[in-house]
Amino acid sequence: MQEFGFEKLIVWKESKNLCLLIYDLTNTFPSKEKFGITLQIRKAAFFVPNNIAEGVSRHSNKDKTRFLDIPYGSLMEVINCLIISYELKYLIEDNYLSLRKKISSISYLLTKLKNSFE
């Protein structure tokens, strides 16, 4: 099976894994949040690896750097949703801190990738 270029990137792999974790974790959120924070955080988490894949497939470095700003913004949206979820007591502290650490790592990798195209 052919592997696409983005599939080789650690930042894509890590953000995809974060997305899967978010989907799994939000299964425990209250059902009243189905169309609220659950939907929002899932969408934001989904857009991170999705936009990395799209961004690195662009032809020019200028387009790549521009498109890699999008997943960074989505990543910040995920952390914001996690902060609110934690304060609403939808998350236990261990999960919250672990996810913050993963997001910090992804943010660093994403910034390094973007800088490599500038």
PDB file of N, CA and C in Angstrom:
ATOM      1  N   MET A   1       0.846  -1.184   0.000  1.00  0.00           N
ATOM      2  CA  MET A   1       0.000   0.000   0.000  1.00  0.00           C
ATOM      3  C   MET A   1       0.889   1.244   0.000  1.00  0.00           C
ATOM      4  N   GLN A   2       0.537   2.186  -0.849  1.00  0.00           N
ATOM      5  CA  GLN A   2       1.302   3.430  -0.951  1.00  0.00           C
ATOM      6  C   GLN A   2       1.089   4.274   0.298  1.00  0.00           C
ATOM      7  N   GLU A   3       2.193   4.830   0.783  1.00  0.00           N
ATOM      8  CA  GLU A   3       2.115   5.740   1.924  1.00  0.00           C
ATOM      9  C   GLU A   3       2.313   7.161   1.393  1.00  0.00           C
ATOM     10  N   PHE A   4       1.400   8.033   1.746  1.00  0.00           N
ATOM     11  CA  PHE A   4       1.511   9.425   1.316  1.00  0.00           C
ATOM     12  C   PHE A   4       2.511  10.151   2.205  1.00  0.00           C
ATOM     13  N   GLY A   5       3.050  11.236   1.683  1.00  0.00           N
ATOM     14  CA  GLY A   5       4.085  11.979   2.389  1.00  0.00           C
ATOM     15  C   GLY A   5       3.682  12.417   3.786  1.00  0.00           C
ATOM     16  N   PHE A   6       2.471  12.905   3.943  1.00  0.00           N
ATOM     17  CA  PHE A   6       2.040  13.391   5.248  1.00  0.00           C
ATOM     18  C   PHE A   6       1.987  12.280   6.289  1.00  0.00           C
ATOM     19  N   GLU A   7       1.770  11.032   5.839  1.00  0.00           N
ATOM     20  CA  GLU A   7       1.679   9.904   6.770  1.00  0.00           C
ATOM     21  C   GLU A   7       3.009   9.589   7.443  1.00  0.00           C
ATOM     22  N   LYS A   8       4.089  10.102   6.884  1.00  0.00           N
ATOM     23  CA  LYS A   8       5.422   9.872   7.435  1.00  0.00           C
ATOM     24  C   LYS A   8       5.785  10.899   8.507  1.00  0.00           C
ATOM     25  N   LEU A   9       5.008  11.958   8.606  1.00  0.00           N
ATOM     26  CA  LEU A   9       5.314  13.049   9.531  1.00  0.00           C
ATOM     27  C   LEU A   9       4.899  12.699  10.958  1.00  0.00           C
ATOM     28  N   ILE A  10       5.818  12.879  11.885  1.00  0.00           N
ATOM     29  CA  ILE A  10       5.511  12.628  13.296  1.00  0.00           C
ATOM     30  C   ILE A  10       4.384  13.531  13.767  1.00  0.00           C
ATOM     31  N   VAL A  11       4.387  14.783  13.343  1.00  0.00           N
ATOM     32  CA  VAL A  11       3.353  15.723  13.780  1.00  0.00           C
ATOM     33  C   VAL A  11       1.974  15.280  13.298  1.00  0.00           C
ATOM     34  N   TRP A  12       1.898  14.716  12.095  1.00  0.00           N
ATOM     35  CA  TRP A  12       0.607  14.211  11.616  1.00  0.00           C
ATOM     36  C   TRP A  12       0.179  12.999  12.442  1.00  0.00           C
ATOM     37  N   LYS A  13       1.102  12.074  12.685  1.00  0.00           N
ATOM     38  CA  LYS A  13       0.796  10.877  13.476  1.00  0.00           C
ATOM     39  C   LYS A  13       0.325  11.252  14.880  1.00  0.00           C
ATOM     40  N   GLU A  14       1.043  12.179  15.502  1.00  0.00           N
ATOM     41  CA  GLU A  14       0.678  12.599  16.863  1.00  0.00           C
ATOM     42  C   GLU A  14      -0.679  13.311  16.898  1.00  0.00           C
ATOM     43  N   SER A  15      -0.937  14.142  15.899  1.00  0.00           N
ATOM     44  CA  SER A  15      -2.218  14.859  15.887  1.00  0.00           C
ATOM     45  C   SER A  15      -3.371  13.917  15.556  1.00  0.00           C
ATOM     46  N   LYS A  16      -3.122  12.912  14.722  1.00  0.00           N
ATOM     47  CA  LYS A  16      -4.147  11.904  14.448  1.00  0.00           C
ATOM     48  C   LYS A  16      -4.467  11.126  15.720  1.00  0.00           C
ATOM     49  N   ASN A  17      -3.421  10.765  16.469  1.00  0.00           N
ATOM     50  CA  ASN A  17      -3.632  10.054  17.732  1.00  0.00           C
ATOM     51  C   ASN A  17      -4.379  10.917  18.742  1.00  0.00           C
ATOM     52  N   LEU A  18      -4.071  12.215  18.773  1.00  0.00           N
ATOM     53  CA  LEU A  18      -4.805  13.127  19.644  1.00  0.00           C
ATOM     54  C   LEU A  18      -6.278  13.147  19.260  1.00  0.00           C
ATOM     55  N   CYS A  19      -6.550  13.201  17.982  1.00  0.00           N
ATOM     56  CA  CYS A  19      -7.931  13.203  17.490  1.00  0.00           C
ATOM     57  C   CYS A  19      -8.672  11.952  17.972  1.00  0.00           C
ATOM     58  N   LEU A  20      -8.036  10.805  17.843  1.00  0.00           N
ATOM     59  CA  LEU A  20      -8.656   9.558  18.288  1.00  0.00           C
ATOM     60  C   LEU A  20      -8.897   9.566  19.797  1.00  0.00           C
ATOM     61  N   LEU A  21      -7.946  10.103  20.550  1.00  0.00           N
ATOM     62  CA  LEU A  21      -8.115  10.221  22.005  1.00  0.00           C
ATOM     63  C   LEU A  21      -9.293  11.125  22.362  1.00  0.00           C
ATOM     64  N   ILE A  22      -9.392  12.245  21.648  1.00  0.00           N
ATOM     65  CA  ILE A  22     -10.486  13.195  21.905  1.00  0.00           C
ATOM     66  C   ILE A  22     -11.830  12.534  21.623  1.00  0.00           C
ATOM     67  N   TYR A  23     -11.922  11.823  20.506  1.00  0.00           N
ATOM     68  CA  TYR A  23     -13.173  11.133  20.185  1.00  0.00           C
ATOM     69  C   TYR A  23     -13.530  10.129  21.278  1.00  0.00           C
ATOM     70  N   ASP A  24     -12.545   9.355  21.723  1.00  0.00           N
ATOM     71  CA  ASP A  24     -12.788   8.361  22.762  1.00  0.00           C
ATOM     72  C   ASP A  24     -13.183   9.033  24.077  1.00  0.00           C
ATOM     73  N   LEU A  25     -12.439  10.039  24.460  1.00  0.00           N
ATOM     74  CA  LEU A  25     -12.674  10.733  25.722  1.00  0.00           C
ATOM     75  C   LEU A  25     -14.044  11.406  25.768  1.00  0.00           C
ATOM     76  N   THR A  26     -14.442  12.010  24.664  1.00  0.00           N
ATOM     77  CA  THR A  26     -15.715  12.736  24.670  1.00  0.00           C
ATOM     78  C   THR A  26     -16.919  11.803  24.693  1.00  0.00           C
ATOM     79  N   ASN A  27     -16.696  10.511  24.506  1.00  0.00           N
ATOM     80  CA  ASN A  27     -17.794   9.553  24.676  1.00  0.00           C
ATOM     81  C   ASN A  27     -18.315   9.544  26.112  1.00  0.00           C
ATOM     82  N   THR A  28     -17.485  10.031  27.045  1.00  0.00           N
ATOM     83  CA  THR A  28     -17.888  10.071  28.448  1.00  0.00           C
ATOM     84  C   THR A  28     -18.548  11.401  28.834  1.00  0.00           C
ATOM     85  N   PHE A  29     -18.557  12.363  27.926  1.00  0.00           N
ATOM     86  CA  PHE A  29     -19.177  13.654  28.217  1.00  0.00           C
ATOM     87  C   PHE A  29     -20.696  13.480  28.328  1.00  0.00           C
ATOM     88  N   PRO A  30     -21.345  14.370  29.066  1.00  0.00           N
ATOM     89  CA  PRO A  30     -22.803  14.269  29.194  1.00  0.00           C
ATOM     90  C   PRO A  30     -23.495  14.343  27.834  1.00  0.00           C
ATOM     91  N   SER A  31     -24.578  13.618  27.685  1.00  0.00           N
ATOM     92  CA  SER A  31     -25.313  13.606  26.412  1.00  0.00           C
ATOM     93  C   SER A  31     -25.849  14.991  26.063  1.00  0.00           C
ATOM     94  N   LYS A  32     -26.092  15.825  27.073  1.00  0.00           N
ATOM     95  CA  LYS A  32     -26.571  17.191  26.802  1.00  0.00           C
ATOM     96  C   LYS A  32     -25.548  18.018  26.035  1.00  0.00           C
ATOM     97  N   GLU A  33     -24.284  17.555  26.016  1.00  0.00           N
ATOM     98  CA  GLU A  33     -23.212  18.268  25.315  1.00  0.00           C
ATOM     99  C   GLU A  33     -22.985  17.751  23.900  1.00  0.00           C
ATOM    100  N   LYS A  34     -23.820  16.817  23.447  1.00  0.00           N
ATOM    101  CA  LYS A  34     -23.633  16.206  22.134  1.00  0.00           C
ATOM    102  C   LYS A  34     -23.466  17.245  21.023  1.00  0.00           C
ATOM    103  N   PHE A  35     -24.278  18.291  21.056  1.00  0.00           N
ATOM    104  CA  PHE A  35     -24.211  19.327  20.027  1.00  0.00           C
ATOM    105  C   PHE A  35     -23.533  20.595  20.535  1.00  0.00           C
ATOM    106  N   GLY A  36     -22.908  20.485  21.686  1.00  0.00           N
ATOM    107  CA  GLY A  36     -22.173  21.602  22.269  1.00  0.00           C
ATOM    108  C   GLY A  36     -20.679  21.344  22.219  1.00  0.00           C
ATOM    109  N   ILE A  37     -20.117  21.231  23.394  1.00  0.00           N
ATOM    110  CA  ILE A  37     -18.659  21.107  23.480  1.00  0.00           C
ATOM    111  C   ILE A  37     -18.133  19.821  22.856  1.00  0.00           C
ATOM    112  N   THR A  38     -18.900  18.737  22.920  1.00  0.00           N
ATOM    113  CA  THR A  38     -18.447  17.479  22.305  1.00  0.00           C
ATOM    114  C   THR A  38     -18.256  17.652  20.808  1.00  0.00           C
ATOM    115  N   LEU A  39     -19.245  18.215  20.156  1.00  0.00           N
ATOM    116  CA  LEU A  39     -19.154  18.444  18.714  1.00  0.00           C
ATOM    117  C   LEU A  39     -18.003  19.388  18.383  1.00  0.00           C
ATOM    118  N   GLN A  40     -17.877  20.457  19.151  1.00  0.00           N
ATOM    119  CA  GLN A  40     -16.861  21.477  18.863  1.00  0.00           C
ATOM    120  C   GLN A  40     -15.440  20.942  19.010  1.00  0.00           C
ATOM    121  N   ILE A  41     -15.187  20.230  20.095  1.00  0.00           N
ATOM    122  CA  ILE A  41     -13.825  19.732  20.324  1.00  0.00           C
ATOM    123  C   ILE A  41     -13.477  18.629  19.333  1.00  0.00           C
ATOM    124  N   ARG A  42     -14.457  17.822  18.958  1.00  0.00           N
ATOM    125  CA  ARG A  42     -14.201  16.777  17.960  1.00  0.00           C
ATOM    126  C   ARG A  42     -13.873  17.390  16.598  1.00  0.00           C
ATOM    127  N   LYS A  43     -14.626  18.406  16.215  1.00  0.00           N
ATOM    128  CA  LYS A  43     -14.363  19.068  14.936  1.00  0.00           C
ATOM    129  C   LYS A  43     -12.971  19.678  14.930  1.00  0.00           C
ATOM    130  N   ALA A  44     -12.629  20.377  15.996  1.00  0.00           N
ATOM    131  CA  ALA A  44     -11.322  21.030  16.071  1.00  0.00           C
ATOM    132  C   ALA A  44     -10.202  19.995  16.041  1.00  0.00           C
ATOM    133  N   ALA A  45     -10.359  18.912  16.792  1.00  0.00           N
ATOM    134  CA  ALA A  45      -9.332  17.862  16.832  1.00  0.00           C
ATOM    135  C   ALA A  45      -9.194  17.190  15.466  1.00  0.00           C
ATOM    136  N   PHE A  46     -10.300  16.998  14.781  1.00  0.00           N
ATOM    137  CA  PHE A  46     -10.286  16.384  13.450  1.00  0.00           C
ATOM    138  C   PHE A  46      -9.558  17.255  12.434  1.00  0.00           C
ATOM    139  N   PHE A  47      -9.729  18.572  12.553  1.00  0.00           N
ATOM    140  CA  PHE A  47      -9.132  19.481  11.588  1.00  0.00           C
ATOM    141  C   PHE A  47      -7.620  19.585  11.703  1.00  0.00           C
ATOM    142  N   VAL A  48      -7.041  19.223  12.851  1.00  0.00           N
ATOM    143  CA  VAL A  48      -5.583  19.342  12.998  1.00  0.00           C
ATOM    144  C   VAL A  48      -4.855  18.406  12.022  1.00  0.00           C
ATOM    145  N   PRO A  49      -5.027  17.082  12.117  1.00  0.00           N
ATOM    146  CA  PRO A  49      -4.308  16.227  11.155  1.00  0.00           C
ATOM    147  C   PRO A  49      -4.803  16.416   9.725  1.00  0.00           C
ATOM    148  N   ASN A  50      -6.082  16.720   9.583  1.00  0.00           N
ATOM    149  CA  ASN A  50      -6.657  16.928   8.259  1.00  0.00           C
ATOM    150  C   ASN A  50      -5.962  18.092   7.541  1.00  0.00           C
ATOM    151  N   ASN A  51      -5.783  19.187   8.243  1.00  0.00           N
ATOM    152  CA  ASN A  51      -5.160  20.362   7.627  1.00  0.00           C
ATOM    153  C   ASN A  51      -3.651  20.244   7.502  1.00  0.00           C
ATOM    154  N   ILE A  52      -3.028  19.432   8.357  1.00  0.00           N
ATOM    155  CA  ILE A  52      -1.599  19.152   8.166  1.00  0.00           C
ATOM    156  C   ILE A  52      -1.427  18.404   6.849  1.00  0.00           C
ATOM    157  N   ALA A  53      -2.265  17.388   6.639  1.00  0.00           N
ATOM    158  CA  ALA A  53      -2.197  16.609   5.395  1.00  0.00           C
ATOM    159  C   ALA A  53      -2.400  17.513   4.185  1.00  0.00           C
ATOM    160  N   GLU A  54      -3.382  18.388   4.276  1.00  0.00           N
ATOM    161  CA  GLU A  54      -3.645  19.297   3.157  1.00  0.00           C
ATOM    162  C   GLU A  54      -2.506  20.296   2.982  1.00  0.00           C
ATOM    163  N   GLY A  55      -2.024  20.839   4.086  1.00  0.00           N
ATOM    164  CA  GLY A  55      -0.991  21.868   4.013  1.00  0.00           C
ATOM    165  C   GLY A  55       0.315  21.397   3.403  1.00  0.00           C
ATOM    166  N   VAL A  56       0.787  20.242   3.838  1.00  0.00           N
ATOM    167  CA  VAL A  56       2.079  19.777   3.311  1.00  0.00           C
ATOM    168  C   VAL A  56       1.979  19.290   1.878  1.00  0.00           C
ATOM    169  N   SER A  57       0.766  19.088   1.388  1.00  0.00           N
ATOM    170  CA  SER A  57       0.609  18.649  -0.003  1.00  0.00           C
ATOM    171  C   SER A  57       0.570  19.821  -0.982  1.00  0.00           C
ATOM    172  N   ARG A  58       0.558  21.028  -0.464  1.00  0.00           N
ATOM    173  CA  ARG A  58       0.584  22.213  -1.333  1.00  0.00           C
ATOM    174  C   ARG A  58       1.915  22.292  -2.053  1.00  0.00           C
ATOM    175  N   HIS A  59       1.910  22.942  -3.214  1.00  0.00           N
ATOM    176  CA  HIS A  59       3.112  22.961  -4.051  1.00  0.00           C
ATOM    177  C   HIS A  59       4.150  23.982  -3.618  1.00  0.00           C
ATOM    178  N   SER A  60       3.715  25.167  -3.266  1.00  0.00           N
ATOM    179  CA  SER A  60       4.707  26.192  -2.912  1.00  0.00           C
ATOM    180  C   SER A  60       4.903  26.234  -1.393  1.00  0.00           C
ATOM    181  N   ASN A  61       6.099  26.625  -0.993  1.00  0.00           N
ATOM    182  CA  ASN A  61       6.380  26.765   0.427  1.00  0.00           C
ATOM    183  C   ASN A  61       5.507  27.837   1.067  1.00  0.00           C
ATOM    184  N   LYS A  62       5.189  28.881   0.300  1.00  0.00           N
ATOM    185  CA  LYS A  62       4.325  29.938   0.820  1.00  0.00           C
ATOM    186  C   LYS A  62       2.942  29.369   1.152  1.00  0.00           C
ATOM    187  N   ASP A  63       2.394  28.558   0.262  1.00  0.00           N
ATOM    188  CA  ASP A  63       1.102  27.918   0.522  1.00  0.00           C
ATOM    189  C   ASP A  63       1.190  26.960   1.703  1.00  0.00           C
ATOM    190  N   LYS A  64       2.283  26.227   1.783  1.00  0.00           N
ATOM    191  CA  LYS A  64       2.447  25.277   2.892  1.00  0.00           C
ATOM    192  C   LYS A  64       2.436  26.002   4.230  1.00  0.00           C
ATOM    193  N   THR A  65       3.190  27.081   4.334  1.00  0.00           N
ATOM    194  CA  THR A  65       3.235  27.803   5.612  1.00  0.00           C
ATOM    195  C   THR A  65       1.893  28.432   5.937  1.00  0.00           C
ATOM    196  N   ARG A  66       1.211  28.945   4.928  1.00  0.00           N
ATOM    197  CA  ARG A  66      -0.107  29.545   5.150  1.00  0.00           C
ATOM    198  C   ARG A  66      -1.098  28.486   5.632  1.00  0.00           C
ATOM    199  N   PHE A  67      -1.084  27.331   5.010  1.00  0.00           N
ATOM    200  CA  PHE A  67      -2.021  26.273   5.375  1.00  0.00           C
ATOM    201  C   PHE A  67      -1.679  25.632   6.719  1.00  0.00           C
ATOM    202  N   LEU A  68      -0.428  25.694   7.131  1.00  0.00           N
ATOM    203  CA  LEU A  68      -0.055  25.122   8.426  1.00  0.00           C
ATOM    204  C   LEU A  68      -0.428  26.032   9.591  1.00  0.00           C
ATOM    205  N   ASP A  69      -0.842  27.264   9.304  1.00  0.00           N
ATOM    206  CA  ASP A  69      -1.406  28.119  10.354  1.00  0.00           C
ATOM    207  C   ASP A  69      -2.781  27.606  10.779  1.00  0.00           C
ATOM    208  N   ILE A  70      -3.501  26.989   9.877  1.00  0.00           N
ATOM    209  CA  ILE A  70      -4.866  26.524  10.144  1.00  0.00           C
ATOM    210  C   ILE A  70      -4.886  25.439  11.221  1.00  0.00           C
ATOM    211  N   PRO A  71      -4.060  24.371  11.102  1.00  0.00           N
ATOM    212  CA  PRO A  71      -4.109  23.372  12.166  1.00  0.00           C
ATOM    213  C   PRO A  71      -3.626  23.896  13.517  1.00  0.00           C
ATOM    214  N   TYR A  72      -2.746  24.896  13.495  1.00  0.00           N
ATOM    215  CA  TYR A  72      -2.311  25.484  14.761  1.00  0.00           C
ATOM    216  C   TYR A  72      -3.504  26.154  15.453  1.00  0.00           C
ATOM    217  N   GLY A  73      -4.293  26.878  14.683  1.00  0.00           N
ATOM    218  CA  GLY A  73      -5.485  27.506  15.242  1.00  0.00           C
ATOM    219  C   GLY A  73      -6.466  26.475  15.776  1.00  0.00           C
ATOM    220  N   SER A  74      -6.636  25.380  15.052  1.00  0.00           N
ATOM    221  CA  SER A  74      -7.523  24.306  15.512  1.00  0.00           C
ATOM    222  C   SER A  74      -6.986  23.672  16.787  1.00  0.00           C
ATOM    223  N   LEU A  75      -5.684  23.538  16.889  1.00  0.00           N
ATOM    224  CA  LEU A  75      -5.067  22.987  18.089  1.00  0.00           C
ATOM    225  C   LEU A  75      -5.335  23.885  19.296  1.00  0.00           C
ATOM    226  N   MET A  76      -5.293  25.189  19.086  1.00  0.00           N
ATOM    227  CA  MET A  76      -5.603  26.120  20.173  1.00  0.00           C
ATOM    228  C   MET A  76      -7.086  26.037  20.557  1.00  0.00           C
ATOM    229  N   GLU A  77      -7.921  25.765  19.584  1.00  0.00           N
ATOM    230  CA  GLU A  77      -9.340  25.564  19.863  1.00  0.00           C
ATOM    231  C   GLU A  77      -9.543  24.307  20.715  1.00  0.00           C
ATOM    232  N   VAL A  78      -8.796  23.251  20.421  1.00  0.00           N
ATOM    233  CA  VAL A  78      -8.881  22.018  21.216  1.00  0.00           C
ATOM    234  C   VAL A  78      -8.487  22.296  22.659  1.00  0.00           C
ATOM    235  N   ILE A  79      -7.377  23.001  22.873  1.00  0.00           N
ATOM    236  CA  ILE A  79      -6.940  23.257  24.246  1.00  0.00           C
ATOM    237  C   ILE A  79      -7.951  24.124  24.979  1.00  0.00           C
ATOM    238  N   ASN A  80      -8.533  25.079  24.286  1.00  0.00           N
ATOM    239  CA  ASN A  80      -9.555  25.911  24.912  1.00  0.00           C
ATOM    240  C   ASN A  80     -10.750  25.060  25.344  1.00  0.00           C
ATOM    241  N   CYS A  81     -11.196  24.163  24.484  1.00  0.00           N
ATOM    242  CA  CYS A  81     -12.311  23.273  24.817  1.00  0.00           C
ATOM    243  C   CYS A  81     -11.952  22.357  25.978  1.00  0.00           C
ATOM    244  N   LEU A  82     -10.697  21.919  26.033  1.00  0.00           N
ATOM    245  CA  LEU A  82     -10.268  21.071  27.147  1.00  0.00           C
ATOM    246  C   LEU A  82     -10.272  21.832  28.468  1.00  0.00           C
ATOM    247  N   ILE A  83      -9.832  23.065  28.422  1.00  0.00           N
ATOM    248  CA  ILE A  83      -9.839  23.902  29.634  1.00  0.00           C
ATOM    249  C   ILE A  83     -11.266  24.026  30.156  1.00  0.00           C
ATOM    250  N   ILE A  84     -12.184  24.353  29.267  1.00  0.00           N
ATOM    251  CA  ILE A  84     -13.588  24.502  29.663  1.00  0.00           C
ATOM    252  C   ILE A  84     -14.152  23.166  30.150  1.00  0.00           C
ATOM    253  N   SER A  85     -13.834  22.081  29.445  1.00  0.00           N
ATOM    254  CA  SER A  85     -14.313  20.757  29.842  1.00  0.00           C
ATOM    255  C   SER A  85     -13.798  20.374  31.227  1.00  0.00           C
ATOM    256  N   TYR A  86     -12.554  20.700  31.490  1.00  0.00           N
ATOM    257  CA  TYR A  86     -11.970  20.407  32.801  1.00  0.00           C
ATOM    258  C   TYR A  86     -12.674  21.216  33.889  1.00  0.00           C
ATOM    259  N   GLU A  87     -12.897  22.496  33.617  1.00  0.00           N
ATOM    260  CA  GLU A  87     -13.560  23.351  34.618  1.00  0.00           C
ATOM    261  C   GLU A  87     -15.020  22.957  34.839  1.00  0.00           C
ATOM    262  N   LEU A  88     -15.630  22.347  33.819  1.00  0.00           N
ATOM    263  CA  LEU A  88     -16.995  21.833  33.971  1.00  0.00           C
ATOM    264  C   LEU A  88     -17.005  20.441  34.620  1.00  0.00           C
ATOM    265  N   LYS A  89     -15.808  19.944  34.926  1.00  0.00           N
ATOM    266  CA  LYS A  89     -15.629  18.636  35.555  1.00  0.00           C
ATOM    267  C   LYS A  89     -16.031  17.473  34.654  1.00  0.00           C
ATOM    268  N   TYR A  90     -15.872  17.661  33.329  1.00  0.00           N
ATOM    269  CA  TYR A  90     -16.097  16.583  32.379  1.00  0.00           C
ATOM    270  C   TYR A  90     -14.836  15.735  32.219  1.00  0.00           C
ATOM    271  N   LEU A  91     -13.697  16.276  32.685  1.00  0.00           N
ATOM    272  CA  LEU A  91     -12.406  15.599  32.589  1.00  0.00           C
ATOM    273  C   LEU A  91     -11.791  15.471  33.971  1.00  0.00           C
ATOM    274  N   ILE A  92     -11.115  14.348  34.196  1.00  0.00           N
ATOM    275  CA  ILE A  92     -10.333  14.245  35.424  1.00  0.00           C
ATOM    276  C   ILE A  92      -8.980  14.899  35.175  1.00  0.00           C
ATOM    277  N   GLU A  93      -8.344  15.282  36.251  1.00  0.00           N
ATOM    278  CA  GLU A  93      -7.098  16.046  36.144  1.00  0.00           C
ATOM    279  C   GLU A  93      -6.015  15.302  35.368  1.00  0.00           C
ATOM    280  N   ASP A  94      -5.868  13.994  35.592  1.00  0.00           N
ATOM    281  CA  ASP A  94      -4.830  13.231  34.893  1.00  0.00           C
ATOM    282  C   ASP A  94      -5.021  13.284  33.375  1.00  0.00           C
ATOM    283  N   ASN A  95      -6.248  13.098  32.915  1.00  0.00           N
ATOM    284  CA  ASN A  95      -6.532  13.171  31.475  1.00  0.00           C
ATOM    285  C   ASN A  95      -6.257  14.567  30.934  1.00  0.00           C
ATOM    286  N   TYR A  96      -6.703  15.555  31.675  1.00  0.00           N
ATOM    287  CA  TYR A  96      -6.520  16.946  31.263  1.00  0.00           C
ATOM    288  C   TYR A  96      -5.036  17.282  31.113  1.00  0.00           C
ATOM    289  N   LEU A  97      -4.241  16.941  32.120  1.00  0.00           N
ATOM    290  CA  LEU A  97      -2.809  17.256  32.078  1.00  0.00           C
ATOM    291  C   LEU A  97      -2.089  16.470  30.990  1.00  0.00           C
ATOM    292  N   SER A  98      -2.462  15.235  30.801  1.00  0.00           N
ATOM    293  CA  SER A  98      -1.873  14.416  29.745  1.00  0.00           C
ATOM    294  C   SER A  98      -2.167  14.997  28.367  1.00  0.00           C
ATOM    295  N   LEU A  99      -3.392  15.431  28.152  1.00  0.00           N
ATOM    296  CA  LEU A  99      -3.767  16.026  26.869  1.00  0.00           C
ATOM    297  C   LEU A  99      -3.062  17.358  26.639  1.00  0.00           C
ATOM    298  N   ARG A 100      -2.919  18.152  27.691  1.00  0.00           N
ATOM    299  CA  ARG A 100      -2.180  19.416  27.567  1.00  0.00           C
ATOM    300  C   ARG A 100      -0.745  19.157  27.129  1.00  0.00           C
ATOM    301  N   LYS A 101      -0.147  18.125  27.694  1.00  0.00           N
ATOM    302  CA  LYS A 101       1.230  17.778  27.348  1.00  0.00           C
ATOM    303  C   LYS A 101       1.330  17.355  25.880  1.00  0.00           C
ATOM    304  N   LYS A 102       0.389  16.553  25.422  1.00  0.00           N
ATOM    305  CA  LYS A 102       0.368  16.126  24.020  1.00  0.00           C
ATOM    306  C   LYS A 102       0.197  17.322  23.093  1.00  0.00           C
ATOM    307  N   ILE A 103      -0.688  18.232  23.452  1.00  0.00           N
ATOM    308  CA  ILE A 103      -0.935  19.411  22.626  1.00  0.00           C
ATOM    309  C   ILE A 103       0.296  20.302  22.576  1.00  0.00           C
ATOM    310  N   SER A 104       0.976  20.431  23.686  1.00  0.00           N
ATOM    311  CA  SER A 104       2.203  21.225  23.713  1.00  0.00           C
ATOM    312  C   SER A 104       3.250  20.633  22.764  1.00  0.00           C
ATOM    313  N   SER A 105       3.373  19.322  22.777  1.00  0.00           N
ATOM    314  CA  SER A 105       4.320  18.639  21.893  1.00  0.00           C
ATOM    315  C   SER A 105       3.934  18.815  20.425  1.00  0.00           C
ATOM    316  N   ILE A 106       2.659  18.654  20.119  1.00  0.00           N
ATOM    317  CA  ILE A 106       2.181  18.818  18.738  1.00  0.00           C
ATOM    318  C   ILE A 106       2.387  20.254  18.275  1.00  0.00           C
ATOM    319  N   SER A 107       2.119  21.195  19.148  1.00  0.00           N
ATOM    320  CA  SER A 107       2.309  22.610  18.829  1.00  0.00           C
ATOM    321  C   SER A 107       3.767  22.881  18.462  1.00  0.00           C
ATOM    322  N   TYR A 108       4.675  22.334  19.236  1.00  0.00           N
ATOM    323  CA  TYR A 108       6.109  22.494  18.970  1.00  0.00           C
ATOM    324  C   TYR A 108       6.477  21.896  17.609  1.00  0.00           C
ATOM    325  N   LEU A 109       6.024  20.665  17.360  1.00  0.00           N
ATOM    326  CA  LEU A 109       6.333  19.991  16.094  1.00  0.00           C
ATOM    327  C   LEU A 109       5.738  20.730  14.898  1.00  0.00           C
ATOM    328  N   LEU A 110       4.538  21.233  15.073  1.00  0.00           N
ATOM    329  CA  LEU A 110       3.862  21.968  13.997  1.00  0.00           C
ATOM    330  C   LEU A 110       4.609  23.257  13.685  1.00  0.00           C
ATOM    331  N   THR A 111       5.065  23.949  14.708  1.00  0.00           N
ATOM    332  CA  THR A 111       5.830  25.178  14.506  1.00  0.00           C
ATOM    333  C   THR A 111       7.145  24.885  13.784  1.00  0.00           C
ATOM    334  N   LYS A 112       7.814  23.802  14.192  1.00  0.00           N
ATOM    335  CA  LYS A 112       9.068  23.412  13.527  1.00  0.00           C
ATOM    336  C   LYS A 112       8.825  23.068  12.051  1.00  0.00           C
ATOM    337  N   LEU A 113       7.753  22.343  11.786  1.00  0.00           N
ATOM    338  CA  LEU A 113       7.428  21.991  10.397  1.00  0.00           C
ATOM    339  C   LEU A 113       7.159  23.245   9.580  1.00  0.00           C
ATOM    340  N   LYS A 114       6.351  24.144  10.114  1.00  0.00           N
ATOM    341  CA  LYS A 114       6.038  25.382   9.402  1.00  0.00           C
ATOM    342  C   LYS A 114       7.317  26.188   9.144  1.00  0.00           C
ATOM    343  N   ASN A 115       8.173  26.299  10.147  1.00  0.00           N
ATOM    344  CA  ASN A 115       9.412  27.040   9.986  1.00  0.00           C
ATOM    345  C   ASN A 115      10.339  26.431   8.938  1.00  0.00           C
ATOM    346  N   SER A 116      10.234  25.131   8.740  1.00  0.00           N
ATOM    347  CA  SER A 116      11.091  24.474   7.744  1.00  0.00           C
ATOM    348  C   SER A 116      10.723  24.873   6.315  1.00  0.00           C
ATOM    349  N   PHE A 117       9.527  25.388   6.128  1.00  0.00           N
ATOM    350  CA  PHE A 117       9.092  25.813   4.799  1.00  0.00           C
ATOM    351  C   PHE A 117       9.278  27.305   4.568  1.00  0.00           C
ATOM    352  N   GLU A 118       9.674  28.035   5.604  1.00  0.00           N
ATOM    353  CA  GLU A 118       9.837  29.488   5.455  1.00  0.00           C
ATOM    354  C   GLU A 118      11.221  29.850   4.953  1.00  0.00           C
TER     355      GLU A 118
END
